[in-house]
């Protein structure tokens, strides 16, 4: 039986092998370093991206996929026999990606039904929703049932991150409610939250170690969490952070650990460490 297909964008940071295993079509954003442009995860792996960040004199910039890229993905799914498509996208408050996906959905309305979901999230927060939708599709659920699974998770998804710098967010214009941190940005290690679709200030910590400890305590403050992921941008102290979570009672083997790629990394900056999860219903 051919099932509903899931489409997402590369800001989800789902490892390619995991996306393939779940039949998820990933539409890539593009990344620019000055005049050089790369297709995320096609031309530039996370490792190559962070290597460039370390040596580049200019900060990277990102651009959303075109509606045509999403239309091609939808038509690919339809040609393979999918009865419908559910697209789970990067927060519409942060990127034109969602709008491009919606425009494409209208263009193929006579070919295949597409339900477009604003995850109001990013990295593995977005990715965990797409993966849950893929599991629902594999169970044979209809396009509207799969869309409902994804939509229900949106409001329960939490993303927190410890930044090592605010330079990237400032230049990229995605700083939102974190604007108040700019005055003392050189002397703090900020914690940001993205649980409503926008980047907001959550806390100010004085040192890197304190910021990671705060992040671990933030997870522990929730009674229970689902789909706990730890994502990082070439952070040298990621093992130390995982040990903090282990000491807080979380089974390290049950935590998905992954790389933040170019799309989110361009704005979050090097050495970012983030946690994403869903709170229980």
Protein backbone atom coordinates (compact mmCIF):
# COMPACT_ATOMS: atom_id res chain seq x y z
CA UNK A 1 0.00 0.00 0.00
CA UNK A 2 1.32 3.44 -0.93
CA UNK A 3 0.98 5.77 2.03
CA UNK A 4 0.79 9.50 2.62
CA UNK A 5 4.22 11.10 2.12
CA UNK A 6 5.85 13.59 4.44
CA UNK A 7 7.72 16.59 3.08
CA UNK A 8 9.84 18.85 5.24
CA UNK A 9 12.72 21.31 4.84
CA UNK A 10 16.38 20.96 5.74
CA UNK A 11 16.04 23.18 8.83
CA UNK A 12 14.59 20.07 10.52
CA UNK A 13 18.13 18.64 10.88
CA UNK A 14 16.89 15.06 10.43
CA UNK A 15 19.94 12.95 9.50
CA UNK A 16 19.61 11.93 5.82
CA UNK A 17 19.64 8.20 6.62
CA UNK A 18 16.78 8.64 9.11
CA UNK A 19 14.77 10.72 6.62
CA UNK A 20 15.28 8.06 3.94
CA UNK A 21 14.31 5.25 6.30
CA UNK A 22 11.02 7.02 7.03
CA UNK A 23 10.29 8.02 3.44
CA UNK A 24 10.55 11.73 4.22
CA UNK A 25 11.29 14.10 1.33
CA UNK A 26 13.57 16.93 2.52
CA UNK A 27 13.50 20.16 0.49
CA UNK A 28 16.77 22.03 1.11
CA UNK A 29 17.28 25.68 1.87
CA UNK A 30 20.37 27.43 0.51
CA UNK A 31 23.29 28.95 2.37
CA UNK A 32 25.54 31.79 1.21
CA UNK A 33 29.01 32.81 2.28
CA UNK A 34 29.46 36.11 0.49
CA UNK A 35 29.11 35.36 -3.22
CA UNK A 36 29.27 31.58 -2.78
CA UNK A 37 25.95 29.73 -2.56
CA UNK A 38 25.41 26.14 -1.42
CA UNK A 39 22.43 23.80 -1.25
CA UNK A 40 22.11 22.72 2.37
CA UNK A 41 23.25 19.14 3.04
CA UNK A 42 23.63 18.54 -0.68
CA UNK A 43 26.61 20.79 -1.35
CA UNK A 44 27.53 21.36 2.28
CA UNK A 45 27.41 18.86 5.14
CA UNK A 46 27.14 20.14 8.72
CA UNK A 47 30.82 19.36 9.25
CA UNK A 48 31.82 21.30 6.12
CA UNK A 49 29.56 24.17 7.13
CA UNK A 50 31.12 24.57 10.57
CA UNK A 51 34.59 24.33 9.08
CA UNK A 52 33.72 27.21 6.75
CA UNK A 53 32.24 29.22 9.63
CA UNK A 54 35.54 28.92 11.48
CA UNK A 55 37.56 30.24 8.53
CA UNK A 56 35.17 32.62 6.75
CA UNK A 57 35.53 36.40 7.18
CA UNK A 58 31.78 36.83 6.55
CA UNK A 59 28.79 35.43 8.42
CA UNK A 60 26.63 32.96 6.48
CA UNK A 61 23.15 33.83 5.25
CA UNK A 62 20.24 31.57 4.32
CA UNK A 63 17.45 31.62 1.74
CA UNK A 64 14.17 29.72 1.63
CA UNK A 65 13.44 27.15 -1.08
CA UNK A 66 11.38 28.30 -4.04
CA UNK A 67 7.73 27.28 -4.41
CA UNK A 68 8.92 25.30 -7.43
CA UNK A 69 11.16 23.15 -5.23
CA UNK A 70 8.20 22.20 -3.06
CA UNK A 71 5.98 21.66 -6.09
CA UNK A 72 8.56 19.21 -7.46
CA UNK A 73 8.56 17.34 -4.14
CA UNK A 74 4.76 17.12 -4.08
CA UNK A 75 4.64 15.92 -7.67
CA UNK A 76 7.32 13.34 -6.91
CA UNK A 77 5.16 11.97 -4.09
CA UNK A 78 2.07 11.93 -6.29
CA UNK A 79 3.91 10.18 -9.12
CA UNK A 80 4.95 7.48 -6.66
CA UNK A 81 1.28 6.90 -5.85
CA UNK A 82 0.94 8.78 -2.58
CA UNK A 83 -2.72 9.56 -1.83
CA UNK A 84 -1.72 12.79 -0.11
CA UNK A 85 1.16 14.84 1.28
CA UNK A 86 1.71 16.42 4.69
CA UNK A 87 4.37 19.14 4.71
CA UNK A 88 5.91 20.03 8.09
CA UNK A 89 7.80 23.31 7.87
CA UNK A 90 10.16 25.63 9.69
CA UNK A 91 8.40 28.32 11.75
CA UNK A 92 6.64 30.79 9.46
CA UNK A 93 7.80 33.62 11.75
CA UNK A 94 11.42 32.87 10.90
CA UNK A 95 11.43 32.06 7.19
CA UNK A 96 9.51 32.32 3.92
CA UNK A 97 9.76 28.51 3.66
CA UNK A 98 6.22 27.94 4.91
CA UNK A 99 4.80 30.46 2.43
CA UNK A 100 6.66 28.77 -0.44
CA UNK A 101 5.27 25.39 0.60
CA UNK A 102 1.73 26.78 0.73
CA UNK A 103 1.99 28.36 -2.71
CA UNK A 104 3.20 25.05 -4.11
CA UNK A 105 0.33 23.19 -2.43
CA UNK A 106 -2.16 25.39 -4.28
CA UNK A 107 -0.35 24.74 -7.56
CA UNK A 108 -0.80 20.97 -7.23
CA UNK A 109 -4.29 20.99 -5.72
CA UNK A 110 -5.68 19.20 -8.78
CA UNK A 111 -2.96 16.53 -8.60
CA UNK A 112 -2.59 15.60 -4.92
CA UNK A 113 -4.01 16.92 -1.62
CA UNK A 114 -1.36 18.66 0.47
CA UNK A 115 -1.72 19.72 4.09
CA UNK A 116 0.86 22.34 5.14
CA UNK A 117 1.78 22.50 8.83
CA UNK A 118 3.65 25.38 10.47
CA UNK A 119 5.74 23.56 13.09
CA UNK A 120 6.37 26.89 14.90
CA UNK A 121 9.70 25.24 15.58
CA UNK A 122 13.07 24.36 14.06
CA UNK A 123 15.88 21.83 14.13
CA UNK A 124 14.83 18.57 15.83
CA UNK A 125 11.70 20.22 17.25
CA UNK A 126 10.46 20.45 13.68
CA UNK A 127 12.14 17.15 12.84
CA UNK A 128 10.40 15.21 15.60
CA UNK A 129 7.02 16.38 14.30
CA UNK A 130 7.90 15.28 10.77
CA UNK A 131 9.06 11.89 12.05
CA UNK A 132 5.86 11.39 14.06
CA UNK A 133 3.84 12.26 10.95
CA UNK A 134 5.86 9.69 8.97
CA UNK A 135 5.12 7.02 11.56
CA UNK A 136 1.42 7.85 11.40
CA UNK A 137 1.53 7.65 7.60
CA UNK A 138 3.23 4.25 7.80
CA UNK A 139 0.29 3.05 9.91
CA UNK A 140 -1.97 3.79 6.97
CA UNK A 141 -3.61 6.94 8.31
CA UNK A 142 -5.29 9.34 5.88
CA UNK A 143 -3.78 12.68 4.88
CA UNK A 144 -6.06 14.53 7.32
CA UNK A 145 -5.30 12.08 10.13
CA UNK A 146 -1.56 12.45 9.58
CA UNK A 147 -1.93 16.24 9.49
CA UNK A 148 -3.82 16.07 12.80
CA UNK A 149 -0.99 14.07 14.41
CA UNK A 150 1.48 16.76 13.32
CA UNK A 151 -0.75 19.68 14.31
CA UNK A 152 -1.38 18.25 17.77
CA UNK A 153 2.34 18.12 18.48
CA UNK A 154 3.02 21.73 17.53
CA UNK A 155 1.75 23.25 20.75
CA UNK A 156 3.60 20.68 22.87
CA UNK A 157 7.01 21.22 21.26
CA UNK A 158 9.72 23.06 23.16
CA UNK A 159 13.10 24.30 21.96
CA UNK A 160 15.76 25.80 24.23
CA UNK A 161 19.31 26.67 23.26
CA UNK A 162 22.47 27.95 24.87
CA UNK A 163 24.22 30.36 22.51
CA UNK A 164 27.91 31.12 22.59
CA UNK A 165 27.42 34.32 20.57
CA UNK A 166 24.57 36.61 19.51
CA UNK A 167 26.37 37.97 16.46
CA UNK A 168 24.66 35.62 14.00
CA UNK A 169 21.15 36.23 15.33
CA UNK A 170 21.73 39.97 15.35
CA UNK A 171 22.91 40.12 11.75
CA UNK A 172 20.23 37.74 10.53
CA UNK A 173 17.44 39.84 12.03
CA UNK A 174 15.89 36.85 13.84
CA UNK A 175 16.57 38.14 17.31
CA UNK A 176 12.93 38.94 18.18
CA UNK A 177 12.36 39.07 21.92
CA UNK A 178 16.06 38.46 22.52
CA UNK A 179 16.73 42.08 21.50
CA UNK A 180 17.10 43.11 25.14
CA UNK A 181 20.21 40.97 25.47
CA UNK A 182 22.21 42.92 22.92
CA UNK A 183 23.40 45.61 25.31
CA UNK A 184 25.39 43.15 27.38
CA UNK A 185 25.96 40.50 24.76
CA UNK A 186 29.71 40.40 25.26
CA UNK A 187 29.46 39.46 28.92
CA UNK A 188 26.69 36.86 28.90
CA UNK A 189 25.88 33.42 27.55
CA UNK A 190 22.21 33.68 26.60
CA UNK A 191 19.56 31.00 26.72
CA UNK A 192 16.91 31.41 24.06
CA UNK A 193 13.53 29.76 23.70
CA UNK A 194 11.53 29.03 20.59
CA UNK A 195 8.20 27.54 21.62
CA UNK A 196 5.77 29.95 19.97
CA UNK A 197 7.51 30.29 16.61
CA UNK A 198 9.72 33.23 17.53
CA UNK A 199 13.14 33.56 19.16
CA UNK A 200 12.69 34.84 22.70
CA UNK A 201 15.06 35.52 25.56
CA UNK A 202 14.74 32.88 28.27
CA UNK A 203 17.70 33.55 30.55
CA UNK A 204 21.10 35.21 30.85
CA UNK A 205 23.97 33.16 32.23
CA UNK A 206 27.43 34.47 33.05
CA UNK A 207 29.53 31.54 31.88
CA UNK A 208 29.36 28.76 29.33
CA UNK A 209 29.28 26.06 32.02
CA UNK A 210 26.43 27.81 33.83
CA UNK A 211 24.48 28.14 30.58
CA UNK A 212 24.74 24.40 29.90
CA UNK A 213 23.81 23.59 33.50
CA UNK A 214 20.81 25.88 33.20
CA UNK A 215 19.77 24.10 30.00
CA UNK A 216 19.96 20.69 31.67
CA UNK A 217 17.99 21.99 34.65
CA UNK A 218 15.39 23.41 32.27
CA UNK A 219 14.74 19.94 30.86
CA UNK A 220 14.64 18.43 34.35
CA UNK A 221 12.07 21.02 35.45
CA UNK A 222 9.49 19.30 33.26
CA UNK A 223 7.93 16.29 34.93
CA UNK A 224 8.22 14.19 31.80
CA UNK A 225 9.32 14.89 28.25
CA UNK A 226 8.91 13.01 24.98
CA UNK A 227 11.34 12.73 22.05
CA UNK A 228 14.23 14.41 23.86
CA UNK A 229 16.93 15.52 21.41
CA UNK A 230 20.23 17.29 21.88
CA UNK A 231 21.48 19.22 18.86
CA UNK A 232 24.72 21.14 18.60
CA UNK A 233 26.84 23.24 16.27
CA UNK A 234 30.33 21.77 16.54
CA UNK A 235 30.25 22.24 20.33
CA UNK A 236 33.47 20.94 21.93
CA UNK A 237 31.71 20.39 25.28
CA UNK A 238 28.73 18.37 24.03
CA UNK A 239 29.86 15.29 25.99
CA UNK A 240 29.94 17.34 29.20
CA UNK A 241 26.38 18.48 28.53
CA UNK A 242 25.19 14.92 27.90
CA UNK A 243 26.75 13.94 31.21
CA UNK A 244 24.72 16.69 32.88
CA UNK A 245 21.54 15.25 31.40
CA UNK A 246 22.59 11.78 32.48
CA UNK A 247 23.14 13.02 36.03
CA UNK A 248 19.66 14.57 35.87
CA UNK A 249 18.21 11.11 35.28
CA UNK A 250 17.88 10.96 31.51
CA UNK A 251 18.93 7.77 29.73
CA UNK A 252 21.65 8.86 27.36
CA UNK A 253 20.90 6.00 24.97
CA UNK A 254 17.33 7.29 24.61
CA UNK A 255 18.43 10.81 23.63
CA UNK A 256 18.75 11.62 19.94
CA UNK A 257 22.03 13.51 19.50
CA UNK A 258 22.57 15.29 16.21
CA UNK A 259 24.27 18.09 14.33
CA UNK A 260 22.72 21.47 13.79
CA UNK A 261 23.18 22.10 10.09
CA UNK A 262 23.78 25.20 8.03
CA UNK A 263 20.24 26.64 8.08
CA UNK A 264 19.87 26.94 11.84
CA UNK A 265 23.60 27.20 12.44
CA UNK A 266 23.85 30.31 10.26
CA UNK A 267 21.66 32.14 12.78
CA UNK A 268 22.49 30.38 16.04
CA UNK A 269 26.25 30.58 15.57
CA UNK A 270 29.07 28.19 16.42
CA UNK A 271 29.08 26.08 19.59
CA UNK A 272 25.32 26.38 20.05
CA UNK A 273 23.80 23.58 22.14
CA UNK A 274 20.05 23.00 22.04
CA UNK A 275 17.44 20.69 23.49
CA UNK A 276 14.10 19.92 21.89
CA UNK A 277 11.24 17.81 23.19
CA UNK A 278 7.48 17.52 23.51
CA UNK A 279 5.69 17.98 26.81
CA UNK A 280 3.06 15.30 27.55
CA UNK A 281 -0.55 15.75 26.52
